[in-house]
Amino acid sequence: MMILYNDITKYYDGMGKEGMDMAQATITFKTDQETKEAAQEICRLLGINMTTAINLFLHQMIWRKGIPFDVVLEPSRETKRAILEAEQGIGLSRPYDTVEELMEDIRREKD
């Protein structure tokens, strides 16, 4: 199903699912000027205002029951290297059938 920008604007600019006016609440937040201006330009290109964009975000949070995009930390260089080595099979031990077998190898390495 394709939703056109005008449909989005009608839906999110104060209208509920049934098309009835909903009570309004005000949210105030701070951001830096550069972020605000960049977001406003994107909204302008999409044909929506900032209020509509923020309402889209809030509704997506509700529908997804979380942040509607990945929030991740980049792995460190060391972690990236370890992942690459593991994918290439570098530095991996052999498989063990039991914990005792694993512990025997660990003890042998210490000696």
C-alpha atoms as a PDB file:
ATOM      1  CA  MET A   1       0.000   0.000   0.000  1.00  0.00           C
ATOM      2  CA  MET A   2       1.441   3.379  -0.960  1.00  0.00           C
ATOM      3  CA  ILE A   3       0.716   6.387   1.223  1.00  0.00           C
ATOM      4  CA  LEU A   4       1.038   9.775  -0.384  1.00  0.00           C
ATOM      5  CA  TYR A   5       2.464  12.731   1.536  1.00  0.00           C
ATOM      6  CA  ASN A   6      -0.910  14.504   1.529  1.00  0.00           C
ATOM      7  CA  ASP A   7      -2.489  11.419   3.113  1.00  0.00           C
ATOM      8  CA  ILE A   8       0.211  11.392   5.782  1.00  0.00           C
ATOM      9  CA  THR A   9      -0.316  15.082   6.513  1.00  0.00           C
ATOM     10  CA  LYS A  10      -4.080  14.662   6.837  1.00  0.00           C
ATOM     11  CA  TYR A  11      -3.671  11.667   9.122  1.00  0.00           C
ATOM     12  CA  TYR A  12      -1.016  13.034  11.433  1.00  0.00           C
ATOM     13  CA  ASP A  13      -1.875  16.718  11.697  1.00  0.00           C
ATOM     14  CA  GLY A  14      -4.139  16.316  14.709  1.00  0.00           C
ATOM     15  CA  MET A  15      -6.405  13.619  13.335  1.00  0.00           C
ATOM     16  CA  GLY A  16      -6.958  10.240  14.944  1.00  0.00           C
ATOM     17  CA  LYS A  17      -7.508   6.909  13.250  1.00  0.00           C
ATOM     18  CA  GLU A  18     -11.229   7.566  12.939  1.00  0.00           C
ATOM     19  CA  GLY A  19     -10.593  11.045  11.535  1.00  0.00           C
ATOM     20  CA  MET A  20     -11.810  12.818  14.677  1.00  0.00           C
ATOM     21  CA  ASP A  21      -9.864  15.659  16.250  1.00  0.00           C
ATOM     22  CA  MET A  22      -7.783  14.437  19.160  1.00  0.00           C
ATOM     23  CA  ALA A  23      -6.822  16.485  22.223  1.00  0.00           C
ATOM     24  CA  GLN A  24      -3.494  18.189  21.591  1.00  0.00           C
ATOM     25  CA  ALA A  25      -0.428  17.970  23.819  1.00  0.00           C
ATOM     26  CA  THR A  26       2.692  20.087  23.544  1.00  0.00           C
ATOM     27  CA  ILE A  27       6.184  18.621  23.571  1.00  0.00           C
ATOM     28  CA  THR A  28       9.187  20.930  23.736  1.00  0.00           C
ATOM     29  CA  PHE A  29      12.723  19.767  23.063  1.00  0.00           C
ATOM     30  CA  LYS A  30      16.065  21.318  22.239  1.00  0.00           C
ATOM     31  CA  THR A  31      18.397  20.592  19.352  1.00  0.00           C
ATOM     32  CA  ASP A  32      21.195  22.527  17.687  1.00  0.00           C
ATOM     33  CA  GLN A  33      20.387  25.015  14.933  1.00  0.00           C
ATOM     34  CA  GLU A  34      22.149  23.027  12.197  1.00  0.00           C
ATOM     35  CA  THR A  35      20.134  19.874  12.965  1.00  0.00           C
ATOM     36  CA  LYS A  36      16.885  21.846  13.029  1.00  0.00           C
ATOM     37  CA  GLU A  37      17.576  23.524   9.691  1.00  0.00           C
ATOM     38  CA  ALA A  38      18.629  20.263   8.010  1.00  0.00           C
ATOM     39  CA  ALA A  39      15.476  18.511   9.277  1.00  0.00           C
ATOM     40  CA  GLN A  40      13.269  21.422   8.175  1.00  0.00           C
ATOM     41  CA  GLU A  41      14.734  21.236   4.677  1.00  0.00           C
ATOM     42  CA  ILE A  42      14.008  17.515   4.446  1.00  0.00           C
ATOM     43  CA  CYS A  43      10.453  18.135   5.675  1.00  0.00           C
ATOM     44  CA  ARG A  44      10.043  20.877   3.079  1.00  0.00           C
ATOM     45  CA  LEU A  45      11.183  18.504   0.326  1.00  0.00           C
ATOM     46  CA  LEU A  46       8.731  15.857   1.600  1.00  0.00           C
ATOM     47  CA  GLY A  47       5.923  18.398   1.726  1.00  0.00           C
ATOM     48  CA  ILE A  48       5.323  18.032   5.458  1.00  0.00           C
ATOM     49  CA  ASN A  49       6.039  20.210   8.480  1.00  0.00           C
ATOM     50  CA  MET A  50       8.157  19.368  11.527  1.00  0.00           C
ATOM     51  CA  THR A  51       5.087  18.630  13.660  1.00  0.00           C
ATOM     52  CA  THR A  52       3.964  15.992  11.172  1.00  0.00           C
ATOM     53  CA  ALA A  53       7.467  14.489  11.022  1.00  0.00           C
ATOM     54  CA  ILE A  54       7.720  14.274  14.808  1.00  0.00           C
ATOM     55  CA  ASN A  55       4.225  12.754  15.018  1.00  0.00           C
ATOM     56  CA  LEU A  56       5.253  10.155  12.426  1.00  0.00           C
ATOM     57  CA  PHE A  57       8.253   9.288  14.606  1.00  0.00           C
ATOM     58  CA  LEU A  58       6.130   9.036  17.778  1.00  0.00           C
ATOM     59  CA  HIS A  59       3.525   6.829  16.097  1.00  0.00           C
ATOM     60  CA  GLN A  60       6.241   4.565  14.732  1.00  0.00           C
ATOM     61  CA  MET A  61       7.637   4.242  18.277  1.00  0.00           C
ATOM     62  CA  ILE A  62       4.216   3.181  19.513  1.00  0.00           C
ATOM     63  CA  TRP A  63       3.537   0.737  16.666  1.00  0.00           C
ATOM     64  CA  ARG A  64       6.991  -0.856  16.905  1.00  0.00           C
ATOM     65  CA  LYS A  65       7.137  -0.626  20.707  1.00  0.00           C
ATOM     66  CA  GLY A  66      10.621   0.880  20.467  1.00  0.00           C
ATOM     67  CA  ILE A  67      12.844   3.249  18.545  1.00  0.00           C
ATOM     68  CA  PRO A  68      11.895   2.868  14.843  1.00  0.00           C
ATOM     69  CA  PHE A  69      15.495   2.527  13.675  1.00  0.00           C
ATOM     70  CA  ASP A  70      18.637   0.766  14.859  1.00  0.00           C
ATOM     71  CA  VAL A  71      20.524   2.476  17.659  1.00  0.00           C
ATOM     72  CA  VAL A  72      23.925   0.818  17.718  1.00  0.00           C
ATOM     73  CA  LEU A  73      27.466   1.498  18.768  1.00  0.00           C
ATOM     74  CA  GLU A  74      30.145   0.809  16.209  1.00  0.00           C
ATOM     75  CA  PRO A  75      32.388  -2.027  17.340  1.00  0.00           C
ATOM     76  CA  SER A  76      35.943  -1.038  18.229  1.00  0.00           C
ATOM     77  CA  ARG A  77      38.847  -1.825  15.894  1.00  0.00           C
ATOM     78  CA  GLU A  78      39.830  -4.688  18.166  1.00  0.00           C
ATOM     79  CA  THR A  79      36.313  -6.147  18.070  1.00  0.00           C
ATOM     80  CA  LYS A  80      36.124  -5.760  14.282  1.00  0.00           C
ATOM     81  CA  ARG A  81      39.469  -7.564  13.957  1.00  0.00           C
ATOM     82  CA  ALA A  82      38.305 -10.376  16.262  1.00  0.00           C
ATOM     83  CA  ILE A  83      35.091 -10.789  14.251  1.00  0.00           C
ATOM     84  CA  LEU A  84      37.032 -10.917  10.977  1.00  0.00           C
ATOM     85  CA  GLU A  85      39.490 -13.471  12.401  1.00  0.00           C
ATOM     86  CA  ALA A  86      36.627 -15.613  13.710  1.00  0.00           C
ATOM     87  CA  GLU A  87      34.873 -15.487  10.328  1.00  0.00           C
ATOM     88  CA  GLN A  88      38.139 -16.601   8.693  1.00  0.00           C
ATOM     89  CA  GLY A  89      38.686 -19.326  11.283  1.00  0.00           C
ATOM     90  CA  ILE A  90      41.857 -17.705  12.653  1.00  0.00           C
ATOM     91  CA  GLY A  91      42.684 -18.400  16.306  1.00  0.00           C
ATOM     92  CA  LEU A  92      39.722 -20.678  16.918  1.00  0.00           C
ATOM     93  CA  SER A  93      40.039 -23.785  19.051  1.00  0.00           C
ATOM     94  CA  ARG A  94      38.809 -27.174  18.001  1.00  0.00           C
ATOM     95  CA  PRO A  95      35.285 -28.224  18.982  1.00  0.00           C
ATOM     96  CA  TYR A  96      34.851 -30.032  22.304  1.00  0.00           C
ATOM     97  CA  ASP A  97      32.327 -32.703  23.159  1.00  0.00           C
ATOM     98  CA  THR A  98      32.444 -32.093  26.906  1.00  0.00           C
ATOM     99  CA  VAL A  99      33.459 -29.397  29.358  1.00  0.00           C
ATOM    100  CA  GLU A 100      35.985 -31.806  30.860  1.00  0.00           C
ATOM    101  CA  GLU A 101      37.688 -32.152  27.474  1.00  0.00           C
ATOM    102  CA  LEU A 102      37.891 -28.357  27.178  1.00  0.00           C
ATOM    103  CA  MET A 103      39.292 -28.031  30.707  1.00  0.00           C
ATOM    104  CA  GLU A 104      41.992 -30.636  29.968  1.00  0.00           C
ATOM    105  CA  ASP A 105      43.180 -28.579  26.997  1.00  0.00           C
ATOM    106  CA  ILE A 106      43.204 -25.395  29.083  1.00  0.00           C
ATOM    107  CA  ARG A 107      45.275 -27.067  31.798  1.00  0.00           C
ATOM    108  CA  ARG A 108      47.708 -28.432  29.174  1.00  0.00           C
ATOM    109  CA  GLU A 109      48.188 -24.918  27.735  1.00  0.00           C
ATOM    110  CA  LYS A 110      49.038 -23.543  31.192  1.00  0.00           C
ATOM    111  CA  ASP A 111      51.807 -26.141  31.731  1.00  0.00           C
END
